[in-house]
Amino acid sequence: MNQQLNDLRQKSGQDNDQALREVQDTRAKSDQAVKEAQ
């Protein structure tokens, strides 16, 4: 039982990391676009 919980927790952590990277990537791209527009 605990093993399953740990696996779920790890997977959800990895999903969070992935989402965070995508958000940061998007933010970096929009910053870049703003700089180019100025």
N, C-alpha and C. Protein backbone atom coordinates (compact mmCIF):
# COMPACT_ATOMS: atom_id res chain seq x y z
N MET A 1 0.83 -1.21 0.00
CA MET A 1 0.00 0.00 0.00
C MET A 1 0.87 1.26 0.00
N ASN A 2 1.79 1.32 0.94
CA ASN A 2 2.68 2.48 1.02
C ASN A 2 3.46 2.68 -0.27
N GLN A 3 3.89 1.56 -0.86
CA GLN A 3 4.67 1.64 -2.09
C GLN A 3 3.87 2.34 -3.18
N GLN A 4 2.59 1.98 -3.29
CA GLN A 4 1.73 2.61 -4.29
C GLN A 4 1.61 4.10 -4.04
N LEU A 5 1.44 4.47 -2.78
CA LEU A 5 1.33 5.89 -2.43
C LEU A 5 2.60 6.62 -2.81
N ASN A 6 3.74 6.02 -2.51
CA ASN A 6 5.02 6.64 -2.84
C ASN A 6 5.17 6.82 -4.34
N ASP A 7 4.79 5.81 -5.09
CA ASP A 7 4.87 5.89 -6.56
C ASP A 7 3.99 7.02 -7.07
N LEU A 8 2.77 7.10 -6.53
CA LEU A 8 1.85 8.16 -6.94
C LEU A 8 2.43 9.52 -6.62
N ARG A 9 2.99 9.63 -5.42
CA ARG A 9 3.54 10.92 -4.99
C ARG A 9 4.70 11.31 -5.90
N GLN A 10 5.54 10.35 -6.24
CA GLN A 10 6.68 10.62 -7.12
C GLN A 10 6.19 11.05 -8.49
N LYS A 11 5.19 10.34 -9.00
CA LYS A 11 4.69 10.64 -10.34
C LYS A 11 4.08 12.04 -10.35
N SER A 12 3.34 12.36 -9.32
CA SER A 12 2.72 13.68 -9.28
C SER A 12 3.79 14.76 -9.16
N GLY A 13 4.86 14.46 -8.46
CA GLY A 13 5.98 15.39 -8.36
C GLY A 13 6.63 15.61 -9.71
N GLN A 14 6.78 14.54 -10.47
CA GLN A 14 7.38 14.65 -11.80
C GLN A 14 6.49 15.46 -12.73
N ASP A 15 5.17 15.23 -12.63
CA ASP A 15 4.22 15.99 -13.45
C ASP A 15 4.32 17.47 -13.10
N ASN A 16 4.44 17.77 -11.81
CA ASN A 16 4.57 19.16 -11.37
C ASN A 16 5.84 19.78 -11.94
N ASP A 17 6.94 19.05 -11.87
CA ASP A 17 8.21 19.56 -12.41
C ASP A 17 8.06 19.87 -13.89
N GLN A 18 7.42 18.96 -14.60
CA GLN A 18 7.22 19.14 -16.04
C GLN A 18 6.38 20.38 -16.31
N ALA A 19 5.30 20.54 -15.56
CA ALA A 19 4.42 21.70 -15.75
C ALA A 19 5.17 22.98 -15.45
N LEU A 20 5.97 22.93 -14.38
CA LEU A 20 6.74 24.12 -13.98
C LEU A 20 7.73 24.51 -15.08
N ARG A 21 8.40 23.50 -15.65
CA ARG A 21 9.35 23.79 -16.73
C ARG A 21 8.63 24.42 -17.92
N GLU A 22 7.44 23.90 -18.24
CA GLU A 22 6.70 24.45 -19.38
C GLU A 22 6.28 25.89 -19.11
N VAL A 23 5.87 26.17 -17.88
CA VAL A 23 5.48 27.54 -17.53
C VAL A 23 6.67 28.48 -17.66
N GLN A 24 7.82 28.04 -17.12
CA GLN A 24 9.02 28.88 -17.18
C GLN A 24 9.45 29.09 -18.63
N ASP A 25 9.33 28.04 -19.43
CA ASP A 25 9.69 28.11 -20.84
C ASP A 25 8.79 29.12 -21.56
N THR A 26 7.49 29.03 -21.30
CA THR A 26 6.54 29.96 -21.91
C THR A 26 6.84 31.39 -21.49
N ARG A 27 7.14 31.57 -20.20
CA ARG A 27 7.44 32.91 -19.69
C ARG A 27 8.69 33.46 -20.36
N ALA A 28 9.70 32.61 -20.49
CA ALA A 28 10.95 33.04 -21.13
C ALA A 28 10.68 33.45 -22.58
N LYS A 29 9.84 32.69 -23.26
CA LYS A 29 9.54 33.01 -24.66
C LYS A 29 8.79 34.32 -24.78
N SER A 30 7.85 34.56 -23.86
CA SER A 30 7.10 35.82 -23.95
C SER A 30 7.99 37.00 -23.58
N ASP A 31 8.90 36.81 -22.63
CA ASP A 31 9.88 37.87 -22.31
C ASP A 31 10.69 38.21 -23.55
N GLN A 32 11.13 37.17 -24.25
CA GLN A 32 11.93 37.34 -25.46
C GLN A 32 11.13 38.11 -26.51
N ALA A 33 9.87 37.75 -26.66
CA ALA A 33 9.02 38.41 -27.65
C ALA A 33 8.84 39.89 -27.30
N VAL A 34 8.68 40.18 -26.03
CA VAL A 34 8.54 41.58 -25.59
C VAL A 34 9.80 42.36 -25.92
N LYS A 35 10.96 41.77 -25.64
CA LYS A 35 12.22 42.46 -25.93
C LYS A 35 12.34 42.75 -27.42
N GLU A 36 11.96 41.79 -28.25
CA GLU A 36 12.08 41.98 -29.69
C GLU A 36 11.09 43.02 -30.19
N ALA A 37 9.95 43.13 -29.52
CA ALA A 37 8.91 44.08 -29.96
C ALA A 37 9.29 45.52 -29.62
N GLN A 38 10.10 45.69 -28.62
CA GLN A 38 10.45 47.05 -28.17
C GLN A 38 11.39 47.74 -29.15
